[in-house]
């Protein structure tokens, strides 16, 4: 097998001086070197350098297949870098990677943090809300940011989330001669003259007990914008238990309503396609995805099932929370691959009768869920029942 034509080189803020021998040799042998303007300057490649196109595109690299090409990336090219984008288009023998310490490694080394206990995020091209699921008392988060103005914007956002007490360490130009590290809190943020590239380390040791999202399904209804179109928290918890979320698994959420089932599924590590025919509810769903920082894990599809299901990638799990009908199941059931988990909630007598029939024909578990909550009754308290739900759960 011939040597790879492409070498992906991780580079730190110390430039070419910090490269190992293999990276130096690959850089010297390359006829063309791709990278950001800052990396090209640090490497001193002169006329051989080509800056990435804007918007980012790997096509210019792939067009030189077979020539000696090097790509410069920050630190570890496979941590929010160009490495995975390139590798997806190449055979294993076409490329090799020579990583350098990335931002998470350098930040953890400066702070003395166990990297395996930290959440690492690339917020240089993602909304700050991506932090929301990870903001907890005692959290340790290392994140890259867009530019020198971003730490102040982050501090303001954290204060808006009620996390003003969180400790912030701003890390500028890590690994280079101009490295600078400064500490503050979100509610006391007054740092200026922040230089990019910049990262921040967040320490939640000072956040109050109970701060942040629970790790269990059935989170409070008032965390969602729902206008009444929501699977209530206790029923939602039982529904998620029946759905059996798994990291990376794909859910079809048919009749999304407020999107609460999709949100809880995504918080458990899954991906979802949320299908909803009503325009007003689509806006609710989109707002909740932004609120929880989950727009990258949930796709919204406008339309009614079964027509809206055409062309969607195969699901691992399906939830029907609205619009269940005999016509839907006549199309849905034969189309589901073997091993798909299907959960349906019914609140009407007509849908309950349908599920009773489907259970008799296909098996699974049929459960009636009845829950009551204490509520004021005159000058005392009494039980206020929620609407009963009949739930059918089956694996195809």
Protein backbone atom coordinates (compact mmCIF):
# COMPACT_ATOMS: atom_id res chain seq x y z
CA UNK A 1 0.00 0.00 0.00
CA UNK A 2 1.32 3.44 -0.94
CA UNK A 3 1.81 6.18 1.61
CA UNK A 4 -1.24 8.37 2.31
CA UNK A 5 -1.40 11.39 0.06
CA UNK A 6 -3.06 13.54 2.77
CA UNK A 7 -1.68 14.35 6.21
CA UNK A 8 -3.91 16.12 8.73
CA UNK A 9 -1.64 17.98 11.15
CA UNK A 10 -2.69 19.30 14.51
CA UNK A 11 -0.99 22.57 15.41
CA UNK A 12 -0.93 24.61 18.60
CA UNK A 13 -0.42 28.30 19.24
CA UNK A 14 3.33 27.69 19.35
CA UNK A 15 3.26 27.12 15.60
CA UNK A 16 5.84 25.12 13.70
CA UNK A 17 8.21 25.15 16.70
CA UNK A 18 5.81 22.91 18.60
CA UNK A 19 5.43 20.28 15.90
CA UNK A 20 6.93 16.82 16.23
CA UNK A 21 9.35 15.41 13.68
CA UNK A 22 6.66 13.50 11.76
CA UNK A 23 4.51 16.62 11.44
CA UNK A 24 7.49 18.71 10.34
CA UNK A 25 8.44 16.15 7.70
CA UNK A 26 4.88 15.94 6.36
CA UNK A 27 4.61 19.72 6.23
CA UNK A 28 7.92 20.01 4.39
CA UNK A 29 6.92 17.34 1.85
CA UNK A 30 3.51 18.82 1.07
CA UNK A 31 3.08 20.59 -2.26
CA UNK A 32 -0.09 22.28 -1.00
CA UNK A 33 -1.01 23.16 2.60
CA UNK A 34 -4.59 23.99 3.60
CA UNK A 35 -5.53 25.77 6.80
CA UNK A 36 -6.97 28.87 8.34
CA UNK A 37 -4.99 32.08 7.76
CA UNK A 38 -3.71 32.00 11.35
CA UNK A 39 -2.41 28.44 11.00
CA UNK A 40 -0.78 29.17 7.66
CA UNK A 41 1.02 32.15 9.18
CA UNK A 42 2.14 30.14 12.20
CA UNK A 43 3.48 27.38 9.95
CA UNK A 44 5.26 29.77 7.61
CA UNK A 45 4.37 27.79 4.46
CA UNK A 46 4.40 30.80 2.15
CA UNK A 47 3.08 30.33 -1.38
CA UNK A 48 2.15 26.69 -0.73
CA UNK A 49 -0.61 27.78 1.64
CA UNK A 50 -4.29 27.87 0.72
CA UNK A 51 -6.86 29.27 3.10
CA UNK A 52 -10.10 27.38 3.64
CA UNK A 53 -13.00 28.69 1.56
CA UNK A 54 -15.83 30.51 3.32
CA UNK A 55 -18.19 28.81 3.98
CA UNK A 56 -15.97 25.87 4.92
CA UNK A 57 -15.73 23.19 2.23
CA UNK A 58 -13.38 20.20 1.87
CA UNK A 59 -13.85 20.02 -1.92
CA UNK A 60 -10.59 21.91 -2.72
CA UNK A 61 -8.61 19.31 -0.75
CA UNK A 62 -10.37 16.38 -2.40
CA UNK A 63 -9.70 17.90 -5.82
CA UNK A 64 -5.96 17.35 -5.22
CA UNK A 65 -6.34 13.62 -4.45
CA UNK A 66 -3.08 11.82 -5.19
CA UNK A 67 -0.82 14.84 -4.64
CA UNK A 68 1.14 15.48 -1.45
CA UNK A 69 -1.23 17.60 0.61
CA UNK A 70 -1.21 18.71 4.24
CA UNK A 71 -4.09 20.17 6.24
CA UNK A 72 -3.43 22.26 9.35
CA UNK A 73 -5.99 22.20 12.14
CA UNK A 74 -6.11 23.38 15.74
CA UNK A 75 -4.82 20.82 18.23
CA UNK A 76 -6.71 17.57 17.76
CA UNK A 77 -8.22 17.66 14.23
CA UNK A 78 -10.96 15.24 15.29
CA UNK A 79 -12.33 17.43 18.09
CA UNK A 80 -14.65 19.88 16.30
CA UNK A 81 -12.01 20.11 13.58
CA UNK A 82 -11.61 19.34 9.88
CA UNK A 83 -10.46 15.77 10.48
CA UNK A 84 -13.84 14.04 10.52
CA UNK A 85 -15.14 16.13 7.59
CA UNK A 86 -12.24 14.96 5.46
CA UNK A 87 -12.15 11.34 6.65
CA UNK A 88 -15.81 10.90 5.71
CA UNK A 89 -14.83 11.29 2.03
CA UNK A 90 -11.65 9.20 2.06
CA UNK A 91 -10.62 5.56 2.25
CA UNK A 92 -8.54 4.65 5.33
CA UNK A 93 -5.30 4.33 3.34
CA UNK A 94 -5.57 7.82 1.85
CA UNK A 95 -4.90 9.84 4.98
CA UNK A 96 -3.14 9.94 8.30
CA UNK A 97 -3.53 12.28 11.24
CA UNK A 98 -0.89 13.71 13.55
CA UNK A 99 -2.78 15.41 16.39
CA UNK A 100 -1.41 17.90 18.89
CA UNK A 101 -2.87 18.65 22.34
CA UNK A 102 -6.27 20.24 21.87
CA UNK A 103 -8.07 22.90 23.89
CA UNK A 104 -9.65 20.40 26.34
CA UNK A 105 -6.30 18.78 27.12
CA UNK A 106 -4.50 22.09 27.53
CA UNK A 107 -7.26 23.62 29.66
CA UNK A 108 -7.46 20.57 31.93
CA UNK A 109 -3.68 20.61 32.28
CA UNK A 110 -3.67 24.26 33.32
CA UNK A 111 -6.50 23.82 35.83
CA UNK A 112 -5.60 20.40 37.17
CA UNK A 113 -8.99 18.97 36.16
CA UNK A 114 -9.63 15.33 35.31
CA UNK A 115 -10.52 15.52 31.64
CA UNK A 116 -12.68 12.39 31.83
CA UNK A 117 -14.91 14.18 34.34
CA UNK A 118 -15.39 17.25 32.16
CA UNK A 119 -17.97 18.08 29.49
CA UNK A 120 -16.23 19.44 26.39
CA UNK A 121 -18.14 21.59 23.90
CA UNK A 122 -17.37 23.55 20.76
CA UNK A 123 -19.38 26.74 21.14
CA UNK A 124 -17.44 28.65 18.50
CA UNK A 125 -20.12 27.66 15.97
CA UNK A 126 -23.04 26.66 18.20
CA UNK A 127 -25.60 28.53 20.33
CA UNK A 128 -24.85 29.11 23.99
CA UNK A 129 -28.04 27.19 24.84
CA UNK A 130 -26.09 24.02 24.00
CA UNK A 131 -24.77 24.40 27.56
CA UNK A 132 -28.18 24.09 29.19
CA UNK A 133 -28.31 20.31 29.74
CA UNK A 134 -24.85 20.43 31.33
CA UNK A 135 -25.29 23.35 33.75
CA UNK A 136 -25.47 21.64 37.13
CA UNK A 137 -24.10 22.15 40.60
CA UNK A 138 -20.55 20.76 40.52
CA UNK A 139 -20.29 20.68 36.72
CA UNK A 140 -16.98 21.18 34.97
CA UNK A 141 -17.26 22.33 31.37
CA UNK A 142 -14.54 23.26 28.88
CA UNK A 143 -15.77 25.07 25.77
CA UNK A 144 -14.27 26.94 22.86
CA UNK A 145 -15.82 30.30 22.00
CA UNK A 146 -16.16 32.29 18.81
CA UNK A 147 -14.07 35.39 19.54
CA UNK A 148 -12.90 37.82 22.21
CA UNK A 149 -16.41 39.27 22.71
CA UNK A 150 -17.99 35.87 23.35
CA UNK A 151 -16.94 35.42 27.04
CA UNK A 152 -18.87 38.54 28.05
CA UNK A 153 -21.91 37.35 26.09
CA UNK A 154 -21.59 33.96 27.77
CA UNK A 155 -21.44 35.57 31.23
CA UNK A 156 -24.62 37.52 30.50
CA UNK A 157 -26.36 34.38 29.24
CA UNK A 158 -25.33 32.43 32.34
CA UNK A 159 -26.71 35.15 34.58
CA UNK A 160 -29.96 34.98 32.62
CA UNK A 161 -30.11 31.26 33.39
CA UNK A 162 -29.72 31.93 37.11
CA UNK A 163 -26.13 30.65 37.06
CA UNK A 164 -24.41 33.93 37.93
CA UNK A 165 -22.40 32.24 40.71
CA UNK A 166 -20.64 29.89 38.32
CA UNK A 167 -16.86 30.26 38.20
CA UNK A 168 -15.46 31.21 34.78
CA UNK A 169 -11.84 30.78 33.73
CA UNK A 170 -11.08 32.53 30.45
CA UNK A 171 -8.19 30.90 28.59
CA UNK A 172 -6.63 32.86 25.75
CA UNK A 173 -4.22 31.53 23.13
CA UNK A 174 -3.52 28.33 25.02
CA UNK A 175 -0.19 26.70 24.34
CA UNK A 176 1.49 29.72 22.79
CA UNK A 177 3.79 32.52 23.94
CA UNK A 178 0.83 34.90 24.37
CA UNK A 179 -1.16 32.51 26.58
CA UNK A 180 -3.19 34.21 29.30
CA UNK A 181 -5.55 32.75 31.92
CA UNK A 182 -7.92 34.84 34.05
CA UNK A 183 -10.65 33.88 36.50
CA UNK A 184 -13.95 35.51 37.42
CA UNK A 185 -17.57 34.65 38.08
CA UNK A 186 -20.38 35.14 35.60
CA UNK A 187 -22.10 37.79 37.74
CA UNK A 188 -18.80 39.59 38.36
CA UNK A 189 -17.52 39.46 34.78
CA UNK A 190 -15.51 42.58 33.89
CA UNK A 191 -12.65 41.20 31.76
CA UNK A 192 -11.60 43.20 28.72
CA UNK A 193 -9.12 42.90 25.86
CA UNK A 194 -9.75 39.17 25.42
CA UNK A 195 -7.74 37.67 22.57
CA UNK A 196 -8.81 34.82 20.28
CA UNK A 197 -8.55 31.89 20.07
CA UNK A 198 -10.34 31.74 23.37
CA UNK A 199 -11.92 29.07 25.53
CA UNK A 200 -13.70 29.09 28.85
CA UNK A 201 -13.76 26.62 31.73
CA UNK A 202 -16.90 26.64 33.85
CA UNK A 203 -16.93 25.31 37.41
CA UNK A 204 -20.36 24.86 39.00
CA UNK A 205 -19.14 24.22 42.55
CA UNK A 206 -20.84 27.41 43.81
CA UNK A 207 -24.22 26.83 42.16
CA UNK A 208 -27.06 26.11 44.60
CA UNK A 209 -28.18 22.59 45.39
CA UNK A 210 -30.78 21.35 42.95
CA UNK A 211 -29.66 23.72 40.18
CA UNK A 212 -30.04 22.51 36.61
CA UNK A 213 -32.07 19.94 34.73
CA UNK A 214 -32.84 16.64 36.39
CA UNK A 215 -31.29 13.56 34.78
CA UNK A 216 -34.64 11.73 34.98
CA UNK A 217 -37.52 11.97 32.51
CA UNK A 218 -40.70 13.70 33.58
CA UNK A 219 -39.21 17.15 33.99
CA UNK A 220 -41.54 19.90 35.17
CA UNK A 221 -44.18 21.06 32.68
CA UNK A 222 -43.34 24.73 33.28
CA UNK A 223 -39.86 24.20 31.77
CA UNK A 224 -41.63 23.95 28.40
CA UNK A 225 -43.65 26.45 26.40
CA UNK A 226 -46.73 24.35 25.75
CA UNK A 227 -50.03 26.28 25.99
CA UNK A 228 -51.62 23.09 27.32
CA UNK A 229 -50.41 20.89 24.45
CA UNK A 230 -48.09 18.71 26.48
CA UNK A 231 -47.86 15.19 27.85
CA UNK A 232 -48.00 15.90 31.58
CA UNK A 233 -44.84 15.25 33.57
CA UNK A 234 -45.80 12.02 35.38
CA UNK A 235 -47.28 10.47 32.23
CA UNK A 236 -44.26 11.68 30.27
CA UNK A 237 -41.95 9.90 32.71
CA UNK A 238 -43.88 6.65 32.25
CA UNK A 239 -43.91 7.17 28.49
CA UNK A 240 -40.15 7.67 28.31
CA UNK A 241 -39.68 4.54 30.41
CA UNK A 242 -41.81 2.63 27.89
CA UNK A 243 -39.90 4.15 24.94
CA UNK A 244 -36.58 2.96 26.44
CA UNK A 245 -34.23 5.71 25.15
CA UNK A 246 -30.72 4.80 24.07
CA UNK A 247 -27.85 7.07 23.06
CA UNK A 248 -27.91 7.76 19.32
CA UNK A 249 -31.24 6.00 18.72
CA UNK A 250 -33.72 7.70 16.35
CA UNK A 251 -37.29 8.42 17.47
CA UNK A 252 -40.24 9.25 15.28
CA UNK A 253 -42.42 11.49 17.50
CA UNK A 254 -45.76 11.50 15.65
CA UNK A 255 -48.05 14.31 16.79
CA UNK A 256 -45.33 16.32 18.51
CA UNK A 257 -47.54 18.91 20.27
CA UNK A 258 -45.00 20.94 22.28
CA UNK A 259 -42.12 18.59 21.50
CA UNK A 260 -41.73 17.55 25.14
CA UNK A 261 -41.31 13.84 24.34
CA UNK A 262 -38.65 14.65 21.72
CA UNK A 263 -36.85 16.96 24.15
CA UNK A 264 -36.78 14.34 26.90
CA UNK A 265 -35.64 11.69 24.39
CA UNK A 266 -32.81 13.95 23.17
CA UNK A 267 -31.76 14.79 26.73
CA UNK A 268 -31.33 11.04 27.20
CA UNK A 269 -28.88 11.02 24.27
CA UNK A 270 -31.13 10.15 21.35
CA UNK A 271 -32.12 11.86 18.11
CA UNK A 272 -35.67 12.64 17.08
CA UNK A 273 -37.82 13.54 14.11
CA UNK A 274 -40.80 15.46 15.48
CA UNK A 275 -43.82 15.36 13.15
CA UNK A 276 -46.60 17.89 13.65
CA UNK A 277 -49.27 19.19 11.24
CA UNK A 278 -50.28 22.40 13.03
CA UNK A 279 -48.29 25.55 12.33
CA UNK A 280 -48.85 27.07 15.78
CA UNK A 281 -47.52 23.95 17.46
CA UNK A 282 -44.50 23.89 15.15
CA UNK A 283 -43.52 27.26 16.60
CA UNK A 284 -43.86 25.86 20.14
CA UNK A 285 -41.65 22.92 19.26
CA UNK A 286 -38.97 25.11 17.66
CA UNK A 287 -38.93 27.39 20.69
CA UNK A 288 -38.50 24.47 23.06
CA UNK A 289 -35.65 23.03 21.02
CA UNK A 290 -33.85 26.38 21.23
CA UNK A 291 -34.63 26.69 24.94
CA UNK A 292 -33.02 23.35 25.72
CA UNK A 293 -30.17 23.71 23.19
CA UNK A 294 -31.31 20.63 21.27
CA UNK A 295 -31.98 21.90 17.76
CA UNK A 296 -29.00 19.86 16.52
CA UNK A 297 -30.57 16.61 17.77
CA UNK A 298 -34.23 17.10 16.77
CA UNK A 299 -35.58 17.62 13.27
CA UNK A 300 -39.04 19.13 12.85
CA UNK A 301 -41.25 17.86 10.02
CA UNK A 302 -44.47 19.68 9.18
CA UNK A 303 -47.27 17.38 8.11
CA UNK A 304 -49.70 14.69 9.16
CA UNK A 305 -48.91 11.00 9.41
CA UNK A 306 -48.83 8.71 7.54
CA UNK A 307 -48.13 10.99 4.55
CA UNK A 308 -45.40 12.93 6.39
CA UNK A 309 -43.51 9.70 7.15
CA UNK A 310 -42.58 9.07 3.52
CA UNK A 311 -38.84 9.28 2.91
CA UNK A 312 -37.83 9.58 6.57
CA UNK A 313 -34.85 7.53 7.79
CA UNK A 314 -35.83 4.30 9.53
CA UNK A 315 -36.60 4.77 13.22
CA UNK A 316 -35.43 2.76 16.20
CA UNK A 317 -38.48 3.83 18.19
CA UNK A 318 -41.86 5.38 17.37
CA UNK A 319 -44.15 7.34 19.67
CA UNK A 320 -47.69 8.24 18.66
CA UNK A 321 -49.03 10.89 20.98
CA UNK A 322 -51.61 12.49 18.73
CA UNK A 323 -53.58 11.58 15.64
CA UNK A 324 -53.63 7.82 16.24
CA UNK A 325 -56.13 6.20 13.87
CA UNK A 326 -56.81 2.89 12.18
CA UNK A 327 -55.67 4.45 8.88
CA UNK A 328 -52.33 5.43 10.41
CA UNK A 329 -51.62 1.94 11.70
CA UNK A 330 -52.65 0.32 8.44
CA UNK A 331 -49.74 2.18 6.86
CA UNK A 332 -47.35 2.37 9.82
CA UNK A 333 -47.35 -1.19 11.15
CA UNK A 334 -46.27 -3.03 7.94
CA UNK A 335 -43.66 -0.33 7.22
CA UNK A 336 -41.80 -0.67 10.52
CA UNK A 337 -38.55 -2.69 10.44
CA UNK A 338 -38.12 -5.63 12.78
CA UNK A 339 -37.13 -4.64 16.32
CA UNK A 340 -38.66 -1.16 16.37
CA UNK A 341 -40.19 -0.11 19.70
CA UNK A 342 -43.68 1.40 19.32
CA UNK A 343 -45.48 3.28 22.10
CA UNK A 344 -48.93 4.84 21.69
CA UNK A 345 -50.84 6.94 24.23
CA UNK A 346 -54.62 7.23 24.03
CA UNK A 347 -56.92 9.61 25.92
CA UNK A 348 -60.16 9.13 23.96
CA UNK A 349 -62.51 6.15 24.06
CA UNK A 350 -62.16 5.73 20.30
CA UNK A 351 -58.37 5.52 20.42
CA UNK A 352 -58.57 3.28 23.50
CA UNK A 353 -60.75 0.86 21.51
CA UNK A 354 -58.25 0.94 18.67
CA UNK A 355 -55.35 0.12 20.99
CA UNK A 356 -57.33 -2.69 22.59
CA UNK A 357 -57.79 -4.22 19.16
CA UNK A 358 -54.14 -3.72 18.16
CA UNK A 359 -52.99 -5.30 21.43
CA UNK A 360 -55.22 -8.34 20.77
CA UNK A 361 -53.73 -8.75 17.29
CA UNK A 362 -50.06 -7.88 17.88
CA UNK A 363 -49.40 -8.41 21.59
CA UNK A 364 -47.19 -6.16 23.68
CA UNK A 365 -48.23 -4.42 26.89
CA UNK A 366 -51.49 -2.52 27.36
CA UNK A 367 -51.51 -0.28 30.44
CA UNK A 368 -54.06 2.11 31.89
CA UNK A 369 -52.42 5.04 33.67
CA UNK A 370 -54.48 6.90 36.26
CA UNK A 371 -52.83 9.62 38.34
CA UNK A 372 -54.25 12.13 40.80
CA UNK A 373 -52.62 15.15 42.40
CA UNK A 374 -53.52 16.93 45.62
CA UNK A 375 -55.28 20.23 44.97
CA UNK A 376 -57.24 22.80 47.02
CA UNK A 377 -60.80 21.75 47.77
CA UNK A 378 -62.63 24.51 49.58
CA UNK A 379 -60.53 25.25 52.63
CA UNK A 380 -58.91 21.83 52.54
CA UNK A 381 -57.34 19.56 49.93
CA UNK A 382 -58.55 16.73 47.76
CA UNK A 383 -57.39 14.53 44.91
CA UNK A 384 -57.62 16.05 41.43
CA UNK A 385 -57.38 13.25 38.85
CA UNK A 386 -55.51 13.75 35.59
CA UNK A 387 -57.15 12.45 32.43
CA UNK A 388 -56.59 8.68 32.27
CA UNK A 389 -54.19 7.46 29.59
CA UNK A 390 -54.18 4.04 27.96
CA UNK A 391 -50.74 3.11 26.70
CA UNK A 392 -49.82 0.37 24.26
CA UNK A 393 -46.13 -0.61 24.02
CA UNK A 394 -44.85 -3.28 21.66
CA UNK A 395 -41.67 -4.26 19.81
CA UNK A 396 -42.17 -5.27 16.19
